[in-house]
Amino acid sequence: MFREKCKNQRGFTLIELVMVIVILGVMAAVALPKYYQIKKDAEISAAKGIFGGIQGAVANYYAQNKVFPDNAPAALAATHIQPGDLTVAAPDNTTIRITGNECGNMDATYDRNTGILSYDASSWCGGVGG
């Protein structure tokens, strides 16, 4: 009777279970770095979009007032952006800074004579922006 029960039992062998765990581990090792890179790329793209929105607001300000905002805080005040997880600030008269969780500080320089925001995205996030 004991032998009949043993013959009817079915399941996975230890080797099969170990192989599944190894395969899942390899998949996780490949996927996690890509996931973090995608998060950084998304943050850089969001910062570029915010800077584009600020640039558009500066152009709108000029169209209405025939003069560019005097400094970076005034240029930032001309916008009504809601950056979500990012923080937008103007730490001095020429810089607008976006701070993110993944990339830290991403700066753009505001030129009050032309109303242009300029930035070098390749220096953001340890050189992965671009």
N, C-alpha and C. Protein backbone atom coordinates (compact mmCIF):
# COMPACT_ATOMS: atom_id res chain seq x y z
N MET A 1 0.82 -1.19 0.00
CA MET A 1 0.00 0.00 0.00
C MET A 1 0.86 1.26 0.00
N PHE A 2 1.94 1.25 0.76
CA PHE A 2 2.83 2.40 0.79
C PHE A 2 3.46 2.63 -0.58
N ARG A 3 3.83 1.57 -1.28
CA ARG A 3 4.42 1.71 -2.60
C ARG A 3 3.42 2.27 -3.60
N GLU A 4 2.17 1.94 -3.49
CA GLU A 4 1.17 2.47 -4.41
C GLU A 4 1.01 3.97 -4.22
N LYS A 5 1.07 4.49 -2.98
CA LYS A 5 0.97 5.92 -2.73
C LYS A 5 2.17 6.64 -3.33
N CYS A 6 3.34 6.05 -3.19
CA CYS A 6 4.55 6.68 -3.71
C CYS A 6 4.51 6.76 -5.23
N LYS A 7 3.95 5.76 -5.89
CA LYS A 7 3.90 5.77 -7.35
C LYS A 7 2.93 6.83 -7.87
N ASN A 8 1.90 7.13 -7.12
CA ASN A 8 0.89 8.09 -7.56
C ASN A 8 1.26 9.53 -7.25
N GLN A 9 2.28 9.77 -6.44
CA GLN A 9 2.66 11.13 -6.10
C GLN A 9 3.43 11.77 -7.26
N ARG A 10 3.07 13.01 -7.52
CA ARG A 10 3.73 13.73 -8.60
C ARG A 10 4.21 15.06 -8.06
N GLY A 11 5.23 15.61 -8.69
CA GLY A 11 5.77 16.91 -8.25
C GLY A 11 7.05 17.21 -9.00
N PHE A 12 7.67 18.31 -8.59
CA PHE A 12 8.92 18.72 -9.22
C PHE A 12 10.10 18.19 -8.42
N THR A 13 11.15 17.88 -9.13
CA THR A 13 12.36 17.43 -8.45
C THR A 13 13.12 18.65 -7.94
N LEU A 14 14.04 18.42 -7.07
CA LEU A 14 14.85 19.50 -6.52
C LEU A 14 15.66 20.19 -7.61
N ILE A 15 16.16 19.45 -8.55
CA ILE A 15 16.94 20.02 -9.65
C ILE A 15 16.06 20.97 -10.48
N GLU A 16 14.84 20.60 -10.76
CA GLU A 16 13.95 21.46 -11.54
C GLU A 16 13.68 22.77 -10.79
N LEU A 17 13.44 22.68 -9.50
CA LEU A 17 13.18 23.88 -8.72
C LEU A 17 14.41 24.79 -8.67
N VAL A 18 15.57 24.21 -8.52
CA VAL A 18 16.81 25.00 -8.49
C VAL A 18 17.02 25.69 -9.83
N MET A 19 16.77 25.01 -10.92
CA MET A 19 16.93 25.60 -12.25
C MET A 19 15.98 26.79 -12.45
N VAL A 20 14.76 26.69 -11.99
CA VAL A 20 13.81 27.79 -12.10
C VAL A 20 14.32 28.99 -11.30
N ILE A 21 14.83 28.76 -10.11
CA ILE A 21 15.35 29.85 -9.28
C ILE A 21 16.56 30.49 -9.94
N VAL A 22 17.44 29.70 -10.53
CA VAL A 22 18.61 30.24 -11.23
C VAL A 22 18.18 31.09 -12.42
N ILE A 23 17.23 30.61 -13.19
CA ILE A 23 16.75 31.37 -14.35
C ILE A 23 16.12 32.69 -13.91
N LEU A 24 15.33 32.67 -12.85
CA LEU A 24 14.73 33.91 -12.35
C LEU A 24 15.81 34.87 -11.85
N GLY A 25 16.84 34.36 -11.21
CA GLY A 25 17.94 35.20 -10.75
C GLY A 25 18.67 35.86 -11.89
N VAL A 26 18.92 35.14 -12.96
CA VAL A 26 19.60 35.70 -14.13
C VAL A 26 18.72 36.78 -14.78
N MET A 27 17.45 36.51 -14.88
CA MET A 27 16.54 37.50 -15.46
C MET A 27 16.52 38.78 -14.62
N ALA A 28 16.50 38.65 -13.30
CA ALA A 28 16.50 39.82 -12.42
C ALA A 28 17.82 40.58 -12.54
N ALA A 29 18.93 39.88 -12.65
CA ALA A 29 20.24 40.53 -12.76
C ALA A 29 20.34 41.33 -14.05
N VAL A 30 19.67 40.91 -15.09
CA VAL A 30 19.71 41.62 -16.36
C VAL A 30 18.71 42.78 -16.36
N ALA A 31 17.55 42.59 -15.75
CA ALA A 31 16.47 43.57 -15.83
C ALA A 31 16.66 44.76 -14.89
N LEU A 32 17.21 44.57 -13.70
CA LEU A 32 17.29 45.65 -12.73
C LEU A 32 18.16 46.83 -13.19
N PRO A 33 19.35 46.61 -13.73
CA PRO A 33 20.11 47.77 -14.21
C PRO A 33 19.39 48.53 -15.32
N LYS A 34 18.72 47.83 -16.18
CA LYS A 34 17.96 48.49 -17.25
C LYS A 34 16.83 49.33 -16.67
N TYR A 35 16.18 48.82 -15.64
CA TYR A 35 15.09 49.54 -14.97
C TYR A 35 15.60 50.86 -14.40
N TYR A 36 16.75 50.83 -13.72
CA TYR A 36 17.30 52.05 -13.14
C TYR A 36 17.72 53.04 -14.22
N GLN A 37 18.24 52.56 -15.33
CA GLN A 37 18.61 53.44 -16.43
C GLN A 37 17.37 54.09 -17.03
N ILE A 38 16.29 53.35 -17.13
CA ILE A 38 15.05 53.90 -17.67
C ILE A 38 14.51 54.99 -16.74
N LYS A 39 14.64 54.79 -15.42
CA LYS A 39 14.21 55.81 -14.47
C LYS A 39 15.01 57.10 -14.64
N LYS A 40 16.33 56.96 -14.83
CA LYS A 40 17.17 58.14 -15.04
C LYS A 40 16.80 58.84 -16.35
N ASP A 41 16.61 58.07 -17.40
CA ASP A 41 16.24 58.66 -18.69
C ASP A 41 14.91 59.40 -18.60
N ALA A 42 13.96 58.85 -17.85
CA ALA A 42 12.66 59.50 -17.68
C ALA A 42 12.81 60.82 -16.93
N GLU A 43 13.67 60.84 -15.91
CA GLU A 43 13.86 62.06 -15.14
C GLU A 43 14.53 63.15 -16.00
N ILE A 44 15.50 62.75 -16.81
CA ILE A 44 16.17 63.71 -17.71
C ILE A 44 15.17 64.26 -18.72
N SER A 45 14.33 63.40 -19.28
CA SER A 45 13.32 63.85 -20.24
C SER A 45 12.32 64.78 -19.58
N ALA A 46 11.94 64.50 -18.35
CA ALA A 46 11.01 65.37 -17.63
C ALA A 46 11.65 66.74 -17.40
N ALA A 47 12.94 66.76 -17.03
CA ALA A 47 13.62 68.03 -16.81
C ALA A 47 13.70 68.84 -18.11
N LYS A 48 14.00 68.17 -19.22
CA LYS A 48 14.03 68.87 -20.51
C LYS A 48 12.66 69.44 -20.84
N GLY A 49 11.61 68.70 -20.55
CA GLY A 49 10.25 69.18 -20.79
C GLY A 49 9.91 70.38 -19.93
N ILE A 50 10.34 70.34 -18.67
CA ILE A 50 10.08 71.48 -17.78
C ILE A 50 10.84 72.71 -18.27
N PHE A 51 12.10 72.53 -18.65
CA PHE A 51 12.86 73.67 -19.17
C PHE A 51 12.22 74.20 -20.45
N GLY A 52 11.69 73.32 -21.27
CA GLY A 52 10.97 73.77 -22.47
C GLY A 52 9.72 74.55 -22.11
N GLY A 53 9.02 74.11 -21.08
CA GLY A 53 7.84 74.85 -20.62
C GLY A 53 8.19 76.22 -20.08
N ILE A 54 9.30 76.29 -19.34
CA ILE A 54 9.76 77.58 -18.83
C ILE A 54 10.15 78.49 -19.99
N GLN A 55 10.83 77.94 -20.99
CA GLN A 55 11.23 78.73 -22.16
C GLN A 55 9.99 79.27 -22.88
N GLY A 56 8.96 78.44 -23.00
CA GLY A 56 7.71 78.90 -23.61
C GLY A 56 7.04 79.99 -22.80
N ALA A 57 7.08 79.87 -21.48
CA ALA A 57 6.49 80.90 -20.62
C ALA A 57 7.25 82.21 -20.72
N VAL A 58 8.59 82.12 -20.86
CA VAL A 58 9.39 83.34 -21.03
C VAL A 58 9.02 84.01 -22.36
N ALA A 59 8.84 83.22 -23.41
CA ALA A 59 8.44 83.79 -24.70
C ALA A 59 7.06 84.44 -24.60
N ASN A 60 6.16 83.82 -23.87
CA ASN A 60 4.82 84.39 -23.67
C ASN A 60 4.91 85.69 -22.87
N TYR A 61 5.76 85.69 -21.85
CA TYR A 61 5.98 86.90 -21.05
C TYR A 61 6.49 88.04 -21.94
N TYR A 62 7.43 87.73 -22.82
CA TYR A 62 7.97 88.74 -23.73
C TYR A 62 6.89 89.25 -24.69
N ALA A 63 6.07 88.35 -25.18
CA ALA A 63 5.00 88.75 -26.10
C ALA A 63 4.02 89.71 -25.43
N GLN A 64 3.79 89.52 -24.14
CA GLN A 64 2.84 90.37 -23.44
C GLN A 64 3.47 91.68 -22.95
N ASN A 65 4.76 91.64 -22.56
CA ASN A 65 5.39 92.79 -21.91
C ASN A 65 6.46 93.49 -22.74
N LYS A 66 6.83 92.90 -23.87
CA LYS A 66 7.89 93.44 -24.75
C LYS A 66 9.25 93.55 -24.06
N VAL A 67 9.45 92.78 -23.02
CA VAL A 67 10.72 92.72 -22.30
C VAL A 67 10.82 91.33 -21.67
N PHE A 68 12.04 90.81 -21.57
CA PHE A 68 12.23 89.51 -20.93
C PHE A 68 12.23 89.68 -19.42
N PRO A 69 11.91 88.63 -18.67
CA PRO A 69 12.02 88.72 -17.21
C PRO A 69 13.44 89.11 -16.80
N ASP A 70 13.56 89.85 -15.70
CA ASP A 70 14.85 90.40 -15.28
C ASP A 70 15.87 89.35 -14.87
N ASN A 71 15.42 88.26 -14.27
CA ASN A 71 16.36 87.25 -13.77
C ASN A 71 15.68 85.88 -13.73
N ALA A 72 16.43 84.89 -13.30
CA ALA A 72 15.90 83.52 -13.28
C ALA A 72 14.70 83.36 -12.36
N PRO A 73 14.71 83.93 -11.13
CA PRO A 73 13.49 83.81 -10.30
C PRO A 73 12.26 84.43 -10.96
N ALA A 74 12.46 85.55 -11.65
CA ALA A 74 11.31 86.17 -12.35
C ALA A 74 10.85 85.31 -13.52
N ALA A 75 11.80 84.70 -14.21
CA ALA A 75 11.43 83.81 -15.32
C ALA A 75 10.66 82.60 -14.80
N LEU A 76 11.11 82.07 -13.67
CA LEU A 76 10.41 80.93 -13.08
C LEU A 76 9.03 81.33 -12.58
N ALA A 77 8.92 82.55 -12.04
CA ALA A 77 7.62 83.03 -11.55
C ALA A 77 6.63 83.23 -12.68
N ALA A 78 7.13 83.43 -13.90
CA ALA A 78 6.24 83.63 -15.05
C ALA A 78 5.57 82.33 -15.48
N THR A 79 6.04 81.22 -14.96
CA THR A 79 5.48 79.92 -15.34
C THR A 79 4.53 79.42 -14.27
N HIS A 80 3.72 78.49 -14.65
CA HIS A 80 2.80 77.84 -13.71
C HIS A 80 2.95 76.33 -13.90
N ILE A 81 4.14 75.84 -13.59
CA ILE A 81 4.42 74.43 -13.81
C ILE A 81 4.15 73.64 -12.55
N GLN A 82 3.79 72.39 -12.73
CA GLN A 82 3.61 71.44 -11.64
C GLN A 82 4.50 70.25 -11.95
N PRO A 83 5.73 70.25 -11.40
CA PRO A 83 6.72 69.27 -11.84
C PRO A 83 6.55 67.86 -11.30
N GLY A 84 5.59 67.59 -10.46
CA GLY A 84 5.43 66.23 -9.94
C GLY A 84 6.51 65.88 -8.94
N ASP A 85 7.31 64.85 -9.23
CA ASP A 85 8.34 64.38 -8.31
C ASP A 85 9.59 65.25 -8.33
N LEU A 86 9.71 66.17 -9.25
CA LEU A 86 10.89 67.01 -9.36
C LEU A 86 10.66 68.33 -8.63
N THR A 87 11.76 68.93 -8.17
CA THR A 87 11.69 70.23 -7.50
C THR A 87 12.32 71.27 -8.42
N VAL A 88 11.63 72.38 -8.62
CA VAL A 88 12.12 73.45 -9.49
C VAL A 88 12.36 74.68 -8.62
N ALA A 89 13.56 75.28 -8.75
CA ALA A 89 13.90 76.47 -7.97
C ALA A 89 14.87 77.33 -8.76
N ALA A 90 15.01 78.57 -8.31
CA ALA A 90 15.98 79.49 -8.89
C ALA A 90 16.92 79.92 -7.76
N PRO A 91 18.05 79.21 -7.59
CA PRO A 91 18.93 79.51 -6.45
C PRO A 91 19.67 80.84 -6.56
N ASP A 92 19.81 81.37 -7.75
CA ASP A 92 20.43 82.69 -7.93
C ASP A 92 19.79 83.38 -9.13
N ASN A 93 20.33 84.51 -9.52
CA ASN A 93 19.70 85.31 -10.58
C ASN A 93 19.88 84.75 -11.98
N THR A 94 20.78 83.79 -12.17
CA THR A 94 21.03 83.29 -13.52
C THR A 94 20.75 81.80 -13.68
N THR A 95 20.40 81.10 -12.61
CA THR A 95 20.26 79.65 -12.67
C THR A 95 18.85 79.22 -12.32
N ILE A 96 18.32 78.29 -13.10
CA ILE A 96 17.10 77.57 -12.74
C ILE A 96 17.51 76.12 -12.54
N ARG A 97 17.18 75.58 -11.40
CA ARG A 97 17.63 74.24 -11.02
C ARG A 97 16.45 73.31 -10.83
N ILE A 98 16.53 72.15 -11.46
CA ILE A 98 15.56 71.08 -11.25
C ILE A 98 16.29 69.98 -10.48
N THR A 99 15.71 69.55 -9.38
CA THR A 99 16.32 68.51 -8.57
C THR A 99 15.43 67.28 -8.61
N GLY A 100 16.04 66.15 -8.93
CA GLY A 100 15.31 64.90 -9.01
C GLY A 100 15.86 63.86 -8.05
N ASN A 101 15.12 62.79 -7.88
CA ASN A 101 15.52 61.71 -6.99
C ASN A 101 16.68 60.90 -7.55
N GLU A 102 16.71 60.69 -8.84
CA GLU A 102 17.71 59.85 -9.47
C GLU A 102 18.95 60.63 -9.89
N CYS A 103 18.76 61.82 -10.41
CA CYS A 103 19.85 62.57 -11.05
C CYS A 103 20.39 63.73 -10.23
N GLY A 104 19.74 64.08 -9.16
CA GLY A 104 20.21 65.22 -8.39
C GLY A 104 19.89 66.53 -9.10
N ASN A 105 20.86 67.47 -9.09
CA ASN A 105 20.62 68.80 -9.65
C ASN A 105 20.86 68.82 -11.15
N MET A 106 19.90 69.41 -11.86
CA MET A 106 20.01 69.63 -13.30
C MET A 106 19.78 71.11 -13.52
N ASP A 107 20.84 71.83 -13.93
CA ASP A 107 20.80 73.28 -14.00
C ASP A 107 20.68 73.79 -15.43
N ALA A 108 20.02 74.93 -15.55
CA ALA A 108 19.99 75.68 -16.81
C ALA A 108 20.33 77.12 -16.49
N THR A 109 21.01 77.77 -17.40
CA THR A 109 21.39 79.17 -17.22
C THR A 109 20.43 80.06 -18.00
N TYR A 110 19.93 81.08 -17.33
CA TYR A 110 18.99 82.02 -17.94
C TYR A 110 19.73 83.28 -18.36
N ASP A 111 19.57 83.68 -19.60
CA ASP A 111 20.15 84.91 -20.12
C ASP A 111 19.05 85.96 -20.23
N ARG A 112 19.13 86.99 -19.42
CA ARG A 112 18.06 88.00 -19.37
C ARG A 112 18.02 88.86 -20.62
N ASN A 113 19.10 88.92 -21.39
CA ASN A 113 19.12 89.74 -22.60
C ASN A 113 18.39 89.08 -23.76
N THR A 114 18.45 87.75 -23.80
CA THR A 114 17.81 87.03 -24.90
C THR A 114 16.60 86.22 -24.45
N GLY A 115 16.48 85.99 -23.14
CA GLY A 115 15.39 85.17 -22.62
C GLY A 115 15.58 83.69 -22.87
N ILE A 116 16.81 83.28 -23.19
CA ILE A 116 17.08 81.88 -23.54
C ILE A 116 17.61 81.12 -22.33
N LEU A 117 17.07 79.93 -22.15
CA LEU A 117 17.60 78.98 -21.16
C LEU A 117 18.58 78.06 -21.88
N SER A 118 19.78 77.94 -21.37
CA SER A 118 20.73 77.02 -21.99
C SER A 118 21.20 76.01 -20.94
N TYR A 119 21.37 74.78 -21.38
CA TYR A 119 21.82 73.73 -20.48
C TYR A 119 22.59 72.68 -21.26
N ASP A 120 23.39 71.92 -20.53
CA ASP A 120 24.14 70.82 -21.10
C ASP A 120 23.66 69.53 -20.43
N ALA A 121 22.73 68.86 -21.07
CA ALA A 121 22.14 67.66 -20.48
C ALA A 121 23.11 66.51 -20.37
N SER A 122 24.22 66.56 -21.11
CA SER A 122 25.17 65.45 -21.05
C SER A 122 25.90 65.40 -19.72
N SER A 123 25.83 66.48 -18.93
CA SER A 123 26.47 66.46 -17.62
C SER A 123 25.51 66.00 -16.51
N TRP A 124 24.26 65.84 -16.83
CA TRP A 124 23.29 65.43 -15.82
C TRP A 124 23.39 63.93 -15.56
N CYS A 125 23.07 63.55 -14.37
CA CYS A 125 22.93 62.14 -13.99
C CYS A 125 24.24 61.36 -14.24
N GLY A 126 25.34 61.97 -13.91
CA GLY A 126 26.62 61.29 -14.09
C GLY A 126 27.02 61.12 -15.54
N GLY A 127 26.54 62.00 -16.40
CA GLY A 127 26.94 61.95 -17.81
C GLY A 127 26.07 61.10 -18.70
N VAL A 128 24.92 60.61 -18.21
CA VAL A 128 24.07 59.78 -19.06
C VAL A 128 23.00 60.59 -19.79
N GLY A 129 22.81 61.86 -19.40
CA GLY A 129 21.82 62.69 -20.09
C GLY A 129 22.34 63.07 -21.45
N GLY A 130 21.49 63.41 -22.33
CA GLY A 130 22.01 63.80 -23.61
C GLY A 130 21.02 64.06 -24.59
